[in-house]
Amino acid sequence: MGKTTILYFLVFFTLLSCKQSSKKSIVNERVIKIDLDNSTQQKLSDIFKGISYTLLKSDDANPLVEPYQIHINDKFIYVQDYFNSNVHRFDRFGNIDFIFKANGQGPGEYQQVEVFQVREDTLLILDRSLRKIVSFDTVQSLLTEEKIPKNASSFIARSGRTLFFMNNIRDGSDYNFLVFEGKELIEEAIEIRLGFDKFQFGVRNGFSPGFEGGFVFPIPYTSQVVFFDEKLKFKQRLEFDLGLQGVNELDFIRLNSVDRDTYQNFIRENQLVEHISMFTALGDLYFMSLYQYNKGIHFILLDKEFNILSQVSGFENDIDEMRIRNIPWTYYNDQVIYSINSIDFYNDYANKFAGEKVEIEPDNIHDFFQKNKEELMNDQTVLVSLKLRNDLSSVSKVQR
């Protein structure tokens, strides 16, 4: 082979390599240290200015069995039933409006919701088992059906582009985030960590809103959050350094490779945080929640520059005195929203206010209970919405 031919191939493969690598994002990373010992008990009114309650009144013939992903917009509340993969749509008062039913494997059908997205009046469902995204109008008439090019477990679609989260599955790529324009792969971001390709995790909220039209995604079972702009291009990765209070990656791989119980016992005994349970823009701030085993939930508010404004380890409910249960489940504009079984809610109310003289005022907790007490005993779902105060950006920053 002559020198000219060799030079030709060298130039060709160099150009090919440059073309391929141009799809891969340069990681812009920042580390934020958090000492969970700085978290304090606070009054609920220090962070939130009000509480509202919504009873989801499901259809008796098609009850909502196991609520999972919940998406709320100005008109409706959409709830995935993890049990049968139906998506229930309620109006904002909690009345059932429509049920999108998992009806099969054929064209225009779906059988399993991996994650869903709502865009105006359109419902988009990713069915990982059938490897497609179907979109429906308000009464489940098919609008589009698109085969997904990768075995993805979460997505966000905007302006002809689709951003996928691969959930540690190497499906033709070593990266966890892939951006497609039509069928063309145009960007890859965040390499799948060594040893994690055997672990896949449930993704409840998927891509959450950021600022300026962008999106954020907390990577499951890490303390990392990835940021994308309004065009779904990768912006940066944020790593929250929890020190000895976070799960070490090597321990995660080693112990989960033995069995799940060994790992669970380890994190309980050492009171560790294994991942970020929620990260989203909330009003003018970022809201993050973490669960530390045997110590409870940490609620952290950050400004847009990621300065910590408030770090809470538990609330005294001085607004309506009801028990704050569970981890935050979803969000809407400036509200953090919890999901609670209606029977548990009924019992909490009865235990708290039994024998007390209460004042029933429009839309307060007592008004809600009196209007719904019969239905609360029917094993349904109550959404508890905590509305963020609008003056929190002036709160003194937590020292780090």
Protein backbone atom coordinates (compact mmCIF):
# COMPACT_ATOMS: atom_id res chain seq x y z
CA MET A 1 0.00 0.00 0.00
CA GLY A 2 1.49 3.35 -1.05
CA LYS A 3 2.10 6.33 1.20
CA THR A 4 -0.65 8.29 -0.54
CA THR A 5 -3.20 5.53 0.14
CA ILE A 6 -2.16 5.24 3.78
CA LEU A 7 -2.45 9.02 4.19
CA TYR A 8 -5.91 8.90 2.60
CA PHE A 9 -7.14 6.31 5.09
CA LEU A 10 -5.64 8.20 8.03
CA VAL A 11 -7.45 11.38 6.98
CA PHE A 12 -10.67 9.43 6.35
CA PHE A 13 -10.71 7.75 9.76
CA THR A 14 -9.73 10.98 11.49
CA LEU A 15 -12.67 12.77 9.88
CA LEU A 16 -14.97 9.86 10.70
CA SER A 17 -13.81 9.89 14.30
CA CYS A 18 -14.40 13.65 14.54
CA LYS A 19 -17.87 13.25 13.05
CA GLN A 20 -18.78 10.55 15.55
CA SER A 21 -17.33 12.35 18.57
CA SER A 22 -19.17 15.57 17.62
CA LYS A 23 -22.34 13.90 18.88
CA LYS A 24 -20.87 13.42 22.34
CA SER A 25 -21.38 16.28 24.78
CA ILE A 26 -18.50 17.74 26.73
CA VAL A 27 -19.37 17.29 30.38
CA ASN A 28 -19.78 20.60 32.18
CA GLU A 29 -19.80 19.47 35.80
CA ARG A 30 -20.21 21.27 39.11
CA VAL A 31 -20.06 19.81 42.62
CA ILE A 32 -22.23 21.12 45.49
CA LYS A 33 -21.39 19.94 49.01
CA ILE A 34 -24.32 19.26 51.34
CA ASP A 35 -23.95 18.42 55.01
CA LEU A 36 -27.25 16.81 56.02
CA ASP A 37 -26.43 17.51 59.67
CA ASN A 38 -27.27 21.15 58.83
CA SER A 39 -30.91 20.20 58.18
CA THR A 40 -33.28 21.55 60.85
CA GLN A 41 -36.87 21.08 61.95
CA GLN A 42 -39.02 23.99 60.80
CA LYS A 43 -42.59 25.16 60.83
CA LEU A 44 -44.46 24.45 57.63
CA SER A 45 -45.39 28.13 57.35
CA ASP A 46 -41.68 29.02 57.10
CA ILE A 47 -41.62 27.48 53.62
CA PHE A 48 -45.23 27.13 52.49
CA LYS A 49 -48.13 29.57 52.61
CA GLY A 50 -51.06 27.21 52.20
CA ILE A 51 -52.34 23.66 51.86
CA SER A 52 -55.10 22.36 49.60
CA TYR A 53 -56.58 18.88 49.21
CA THR A 54 -58.03 17.03 46.22
CA LEU A 55 -59.85 13.70 46.44
CA LEU A 56 -59.46 11.70 43.22
CA LYS A 57 -62.86 10.12 42.72
CA SER A 58 -62.14 7.14 40.53
CA ASP A 59 -64.63 5.20 38.41
CA ASP A 60 -66.15 2.28 40.34
CA ALA A 61 -66.06 0.09 37.23
CA ASN A 62 -62.39 1.01 36.52
CA PRO A 63 -60.89 2.03 39.85
CA LEU A 64 -57.48 3.64 40.24
CA VAL A 65 -55.66 0.77 41.96
CA GLU A 66 -52.01 1.78 42.29
CA PRO A 67 -51.24 5.45 41.50
CA TYR A 68 -47.72 6.03 40.22
CA GLN A 69 -46.68 8.81 37.84
CA ILE A 70 -48.83 11.93 38.28
CA HIS A 71 -48.82 14.89 35.91
CA ILE A 72 -50.85 18.05 36.56
CA ASN A 73 -51.59 20.95 34.23
CA ASP A 74 -54.04 23.85 34.35
CA LYS A 75 -56.97 21.70 33.20
CA PHE A 76 -56.43 18.12 34.32
CA ILE A 77 -54.73 15.68 36.67
CA TYR A 78 -53.29 12.64 34.87
CA VAL A 79 -52.48 9.55 36.95
CA GLN A 80 -50.84 6.34 35.77
CA ASP A 81 -52.20 3.17 37.35
CA TYR A 82 -49.11 1.02 37.85
CA PHE A 83 -51.32 -2.05 38.34
CA ASN A 84 -52.95 -2.15 34.90
CA SER A 85 -51.18 0.66 32.94
CA ASN A 86 -54.34 2.70 32.43
CA VAL A 87 -53.94 6.48 32.61
CA HIS A 88 -56.78 8.18 34.49
CA ARG A 89 -57.60 11.81 33.71
CA PHE A 90 -59.37 13.83 36.40
CA ASP A 91 -60.55 17.42 36.30
CA ARG A 92 -58.92 19.81 38.76
CA PHE A 93 -61.70 19.08 41.30
CA GLY A 94 -60.83 15.35 41.29
CA ASN A 95 -63.77 14.11 39.20
CA ILE A 96 -62.94 11.35 36.73
CA ASP A 97 -63.00 12.71 33.18
CA PHE A 98 -61.57 9.96 30.99
CA ILE A 99 -59.54 6.74 31.18
CA PHE A 100 -56.88 5.94 28.58
CA LYS A 101 -56.86 2.15 28.59
CA ALA A 102 -54.02 -0.24 27.89
CA ASN A 103 -55.75 -2.15 25.11
CA GLY A 104 -53.27 -4.28 23.21
CA GLN A 105 -50.15 -4.67 21.10
CA GLY A 106 -51.46 -3.65 17.70
CA PRO A 107 -51.18 -0.44 15.68
CA GLY A 108 -52.48 2.53 17.65
CA GLU A 109 -52.52 0.53 20.88
CA TYR A 110 -50.32 0.25 23.93
CA GLN A 111 -50.06 -2.39 26.63
CA GLN A 112 -47.70 -0.95 29.24
CA VAL A 113 -46.87 2.60 30.35
CA GLU A 114 -43.20 3.07 31.07
CA VAL A 115 -43.63 6.82 31.37
CA PHE A 116 -46.00 9.39 29.90
CA GLN A 117 -45.91 13.04 28.95
CA VAL A 118 -48.71 15.58 28.54
CA ARG A 119 -48.39 18.34 25.95
CA GLU A 120 -51.40 20.66 25.89
CA ASP A 121 -54.32 18.27 25.18
CA THR A 122 -52.12 15.46 23.85
CA LEU A 123 -51.09 12.42 25.89
CA LEU A 124 -47.83 10.73 24.83
CA ILE A 125 -47.13 7.25 26.19
CA LEU A 126 -43.82 5.42 25.97
CA ASP A 127 -44.43 1.68 25.84
CA ARG A 128 -41.02 0.15 26.40
CA SER A 129 -42.26 -3.41 25.84
CA LEU A 130 -43.48 -2.50 22.33
CA ARG A 131 -40.64 0.00 21.79
CA LYS A 132 -42.86 2.83 20.63
CA ILE A 133 -44.37 6.16 21.61
CA VAL A 134 -48.06 6.64 20.91
CA SER A 135 -49.84 9.97 21.19
CA PHE A 136 -53.58 10.34 21.71
CA ASP A 137 -56.09 13.16 21.65
CA THR A 138 -58.53 13.77 24.52
CA VAL A 139 -60.59 10.59 23.86
CA GLN A 140 -57.75 8.16 22.98
CA SER A 141 -57.97 8.61 19.23
CA LEU A 142 -54.52 7.94 17.81
CA LEU A 143 -52.59 10.99 16.62
CA THR A 144 -49.14 9.51 16.00
CA GLU A 145 -47.25 6.29 16.55
CA GLU A 146 -43.47 6.28 16.48
CA LYS A 147 -41.09 3.39 16.93
CA ILE A 148 -38.40 4.42 19.38
CA PRO A 149 -34.90 3.81 18.01
CA LYS A 150 -33.55 2.79 21.39
CA ASN A 151 -34.68 0.71 24.37
CA ALA A 152 -35.38 3.83 26.45
CA SER A 153 -37.21 4.12 29.77
CA SER A 154 -37.98 7.87 29.83
CA PHE A 155 -38.32 10.65 27.27
CA ILE A 156 -39.21 14.24 26.55
CA ALA A 157 -40.26 15.39 23.06
CA ARG A 158 -40.02 18.95 21.77
CA SER A 159 -39.99 20.57 18.30
CA GLY A 160 -39.14 17.46 16.29
CA ARG A 161 -36.53 16.25 18.79
CA THR A 162 -36.77 13.50 21.38
CA LEU A 163 -34.48 13.14 24.37
CA PHE A 164 -34.27 9.62 25.82
CA PHE A 165 -32.95 8.33 29.15
CA MET A 166 -31.49 4.86 28.62
CA ASN A 167 -31.49 3.71 32.27
CA ASN A 168 -28.02 2.13 32.04
CA ILE A 169 -28.93 0.01 28.99
CA ARG A 170 -26.22 -0.06 26.32
CA ASP A 171 -28.34 -0.22 23.18
CA GLY A 172 -25.81 0.74 20.54
CA SER A 173 -24.41 3.53 22.73
CA ASP A 174 -22.40 3.83 25.94
CA TYR A 175 -24.34 6.96 26.97
CA ASN A 176 -27.39 7.38 29.18
CA PHE A 177 -28.95 10.37 27.37
CA LEU A 178 -29.55 10.32 23.63
CA VAL A 179 -31.11 13.10 21.53
CA PHE A 180 -32.75 12.21 18.22
CA GLU A 181 -34.02 14.48 15.48
CA GLY A 182 -36.38 12.21 13.63
CA LYS A 183 -34.41 8.98 13.35
CA GLU A 184 -30.99 10.64 13.45
CA LEU A 185 -28.94 10.55 16.63
CA ILE A 186 -27.59 14.10 17.11
CA GLU A 187 -26.23 14.09 20.66
CA GLU A 188 -25.10 11.72 23.43
CA ALA A 189 -24.45 12.74 27.03
CA ILE A 190 -23.29 11.16 30.31
CA GLU A 191 -21.53 7.84 29.92
CA ILE A 192 -23.08 4.82 31.63
CA ARG A 193 -20.99 4.16 34.74
CA LEU A 194 -18.85 1.05 34.82
CA GLY A 195 -20.69 -1.77 36.56
CA PHE A 196 -24.09 -0.04 36.45
CA ASP A 197 -25.28 -1.54 33.17
CA LYS A 198 -26.82 -4.44 35.12
CA PHE A 199 -29.05 -2.10 37.15
CA GLN A 200 -32.27 -0.49 35.89
CA PHE A 201 -34.53 1.65 38.07
CA GLY A 202 -38.06 3.01 38.14
CA VAL A 203 -38.36 6.62 36.99
CA ARG A 204 -41.43 8.24 38.55
CA ASN A 205 -41.30 11.87 37.42
CA GLY A 206 -39.06 11.61 34.38
CA PHE A 207 -37.84 14.91 32.95
CA SER A 208 -38.93 17.78 35.19
CA PRO A 209 -39.12 21.49 34.30
CA GLY A 210 -36.07 23.68 34.75
CA PHE A 211 -35.80 27.37 33.93
CA GLU A 212 -35.93 29.21 30.58
CA GLY A 213 -37.85 26.33 29.01
CA GLY A 214 -35.25 23.73 29.94
CA PHE A 215 -35.48 20.39 31.73
CA VAL A 216 -33.76 18.60 34.59
CA PHE A 217 -33.34 14.91 35.30
CA PRO A 218 -32.11 13.37 38.57
CA ILE A 219 -30.27 10.17 37.63
CA PRO A 220 -31.74 7.29 39.68
CA TYR A 221 -29.61 5.95 42.52
CA THR A 222 -27.07 8.75 42.28
CA SER A 223 -26.74 12.24 43.71
CA GLN A 224 -26.46 13.69 40.20
CA VAL A 225 -28.84 15.98 38.30
CA VAL A 226 -28.49 16.61 34.56
CA PHE A 227 -29.68 19.85 32.91
CA PHE A 228 -30.90 20.36 29.33
CA ASP A 229 -31.92 23.52 27.50
CA GLU A 230 -35.19 24.21 25.68
CA LYS A 231 -33.81 22.52 22.53
CA LEU A 232 -32.99 19.39 24.57
CA LYS A 233 -29.25 20.00 24.31
CA PHE A 234 -27.12 18.98 27.26
CA LYS A 235 -26.07 21.91 29.51
CA GLN A 236 -24.44 20.57 32.66
CA ARG A 237 -24.30 17.88 35.30
CA LEU A 238 -24.61 18.78 38.97
CA GLU A 239 -23.15 16.44 41.58
CA PHE A 240 -24.35 16.78 45.18
CA ASP A 241 -21.53 15.64 47.43
CA LEU A 242 -23.16 14.14 50.54
CA GLY A 243 -19.87 12.93 51.99
CA LEU A 244 -20.19 9.82 54.15
CA GLN A 245 -23.99 10.25 54.19
CA GLY A 246 -24.32 9.18 50.55
CA VAL A 247 -24.02 5.67 49.11
CA ASN A 248 -20.58 4.95 47.67
CA GLU A 249 -20.79 3.65 44.08
CA LEU A 250 -18.49 0.72 44.80
CA ASP A 251 -20.61 -0.31 47.79
CA PHE A 252 -23.74 -0.03 45.64
CA ILE A 253 -22.36 -2.38 42.98
CA ARG A 254 -20.73 -4.79 45.43
CA LEU A 255 -23.70 -5.20 47.77
CA ASN A 256 -26.42 -5.28 45.11
CA SER A 257 -24.42 -7.97 43.32
CA VAL A 258 -24.79 -10.12 46.45
CA ASP A 259 -28.53 -9.53 46.90
CA ARG A 260 -30.94 -6.65 47.43
CA ASP A 261 -31.52 -7.42 51.13
CA THR A 262 -27.79 -7.18 51.91
CA TYR A 263 -27.67 -3.76 50.29
CA GLN A 264 -30.86 -2.54 52.03
CA ASN A 265 -29.57 -3.64 55.43
CA PHE A 266 -26.28 -1.82 54.79
CA ILE A 267 -27.87 1.53 53.94
CA ARG A 268 -30.31 1.30 56.86
CA GLU A 269 -27.58 0.48 59.37
CA ASN A 270 -25.38 3.31 58.09
CA GLN A 271 -28.26 5.81 57.67
CA LEU A 272 -27.42 6.62 54.06
CA VAL A 273 -29.08 8.48 51.19
CA GLU A 274 -29.16 6.35 48.03
CA HIS A 275 -30.53 8.88 45.55
CA ILE A 276 -32.42 12.12 44.93
CA SER A 277 -36.14 11.41 45.11
CA MET A 278 -37.20 14.68 43.42
CA PHE A 279 -35.51 17.64 41.75
CA THR A 280 -37.51 20.30 39.91
CA ALA A 281 -37.95 24.01 39.37
CA LEU A 282 -40.60 25.21 41.80
CA GLY A 283 -41.69 28.82 41.46
CA ASP A 284 -38.44 30.81 41.20
CA LEU A 285 -36.35 28.19 43.00
CA TYR A 286 -35.14 24.62 42.71
CA PHE A 287 -36.66 22.06 45.07
CA MET A 288 -34.90 18.84 46.01
CA SER A 289 -35.91 16.02 48.35
CA LEU A 290 -33.71 13.24 49.72
CA TYR A 291 -34.57 10.28 51.94
CA GLN A 292 -31.99 9.35 54.57
CA TYR A 293 -32.66 5.89 55.99
CA ASN A 294 -33.71 5.89 59.66
CA LYS A 295 -33.50 9.70 59.75
CA GLY A 296 -36.25 10.78 57.39
CA ILE A 297 -36.75 13.18 54.49
CA HIS A 298 -34.63 16.25 53.77
CA PHE A 299 -36.22 19.15 51.87
CA ILE A 300 -33.72 21.48 50.21
CA LEU A 301 -34.46 24.74 48.38
CA LEU A 302 -31.81 26.29 46.13
CA ASP A 303 -31.71 29.47 44.09
CA LYS A 304 -30.90 29.44 40.39
CA GLU A 305 -27.16 29.59 41.16
CA PHE A 306 -27.57 26.51 43.41
CA ASN A 307 -27.02 28.34 46.67
CA ILE A 308 -28.88 26.52 49.45
CA LEU A 309 -31.64 28.73 50.87
CA SER A 310 -33.34 26.26 53.17
CA GLN A 311 -32.51 22.76 54.39
CA VAL A 312 -35.25 21.05 56.38
CA SER A 313 -35.31 17.64 58.09
CA GLY A 314 -38.96 17.74 59.14
CA PHE A 315 -41.98 20.02 59.44
CA GLU A 316 -44.33 21.01 62.21
CA ASN A 317 -47.63 21.57 60.44
CA ASP A 318 -48.70 24.88 61.94
CA ILE A 319 -51.04 25.62 59.00
CA ASP A 320 -53.78 23.02 59.50
CA GLU A 321 -52.13 20.56 61.95
CA MET A 322 -52.58 17.49 59.72
CA ARG A 323 -49.84 14.90 59.52
CA ILE A 324 -47.46 15.30 56.56
CA ARG A 325 -47.00 11.78 55.24
CA ASN A 326 -44.65 10.12 52.77
CA ILE A 327 -42.19 11.66 50.35
CA PRO A 328 -43.17 14.45 47.92
CA TRP A 329 -44.71 12.67 44.94
CA THR A 330 -45.11 15.28 42.20
CA TYR A 331 -45.28 19.05 41.59
CA TYR A 332 -47.25 21.75 39.84
CA ASN A 333 -45.95 25.29 39.26
CA ASP A 334 -45.11 26.45 42.82
CA GLN A 335 -46.63 23.47 44.63
CA VAL A 336 -45.14 20.31 46.10
CA ILE A 337 -47.72 17.51 46.04
CA TYR A 338 -48.05 14.43 48.22
CA SER A 339 -50.16 11.37 47.52
CA ILE A 340 -51.92 9.60 50.39
CA ASN A 341 -54.46 6.81 50.59
CA SER A 342 -57.85 8.27 51.48
CA ILE A 343 -58.40 5.81 54.36
CA ASP A 344 -55.08 6.85 55.92
CA PHE A 345 -56.12 10.47 55.48
CA TYR A 346 -59.48 9.78 57.15
CA ASN A 347 -57.80 8.10 60.11
CA ASP A 348 -55.21 10.89 60.46
CA TYR A 349 -57.98 13.47 60.58
CA ALA A 350 -60.07 11.46 63.07
CA ASN A 351 -57.08 10.89 65.35
CA LYS A 352 -56.07 14.54 65.28
CA PHE A 353 -59.41 16.25 65.69
CA ALA A 354 -61.54 13.68 67.54
CA GLY A 355 -63.49 15.42 70.31
CA GLU A 356 -62.29 18.88 69.28
CA LYS A 357 -64.56 21.75 68.29
CA VAL A 358 -63.46 22.77 64.80
CA GLU A 359 -64.30 25.77 62.65
CA ILE A 360 -65.54 24.85 59.18
CA GLU A 361 -64.58 27.57 56.73
CA PRO A 362 -64.65 27.46 52.91
CA ASP A 363 -61.85 25.23 51.55
CA ASN A 364 -60.17 24.57 54.90
CA ILE A 365 -59.27 21.05 56.08
CA HIS A 366 -62.51 20.66 58.05
CA ASP A 367 -64.61 21.76 55.09
CA PHE A 368 -62.81 19.24 52.86
CA PHE A 369 -63.33 16.44 55.36
CA GLN A 370 -67.03 17.14 55.88
CA LYS A 371 -67.70 17.29 52.14
CA ASN A 372 -65.85 14.03 51.41
CA LYS A 373 -65.91 11.92 54.57
CA GLU A 374 -68.10 9.18 53.07
CA GLU A 375 -65.95 8.79 49.96
CA LEU A 376 -62.71 8.98 51.94
CA MET A 377 -63.51 5.53 53.33
CA ASN A 378 -63.69 4.02 49.83
CA ASP A 379 -59.95 3.38 49.39
CA GLN A 380 -59.18 6.22 46.99
CA THR A 381 -56.37 8.78 46.66
CA VAL A 382 -55.96 12.25 48.19
CA LEU A 383 -53.49 14.75 46.75
CA VAL A 384 -52.06 17.16 49.31
CA SER A 385 -50.68 20.34 47.70
CA LEU A 386 -48.28 22.61 49.59
CA LYS A 387 -47.98 26.05 48.01
CA LEU A 388 -44.53 27.64 48.22
CA ARG A 389 -44.11 31.08 49.76
CA ASN A 390 -43.09 33.71 47.21
CA ASP A 391 -40.52 35.48 49.42
CA LEU A 392 -38.08 32.59 49.97
CA SER A 393 -35.37 33.98 47.69
CA SER A 394 -34.65 36.51 50.43
CA VAL A 395 -34.05 33.80 53.06
CA SER A 396 -30.47 33.68 54.40
CA LYS A 397 -28.38 31.03 52.70
CA VAL A 398 -27.38 27.92 54.61
CA GLN A 399 -23.68 27.95 55.39
CA ARG A 400 -21.73 25.32 53.47
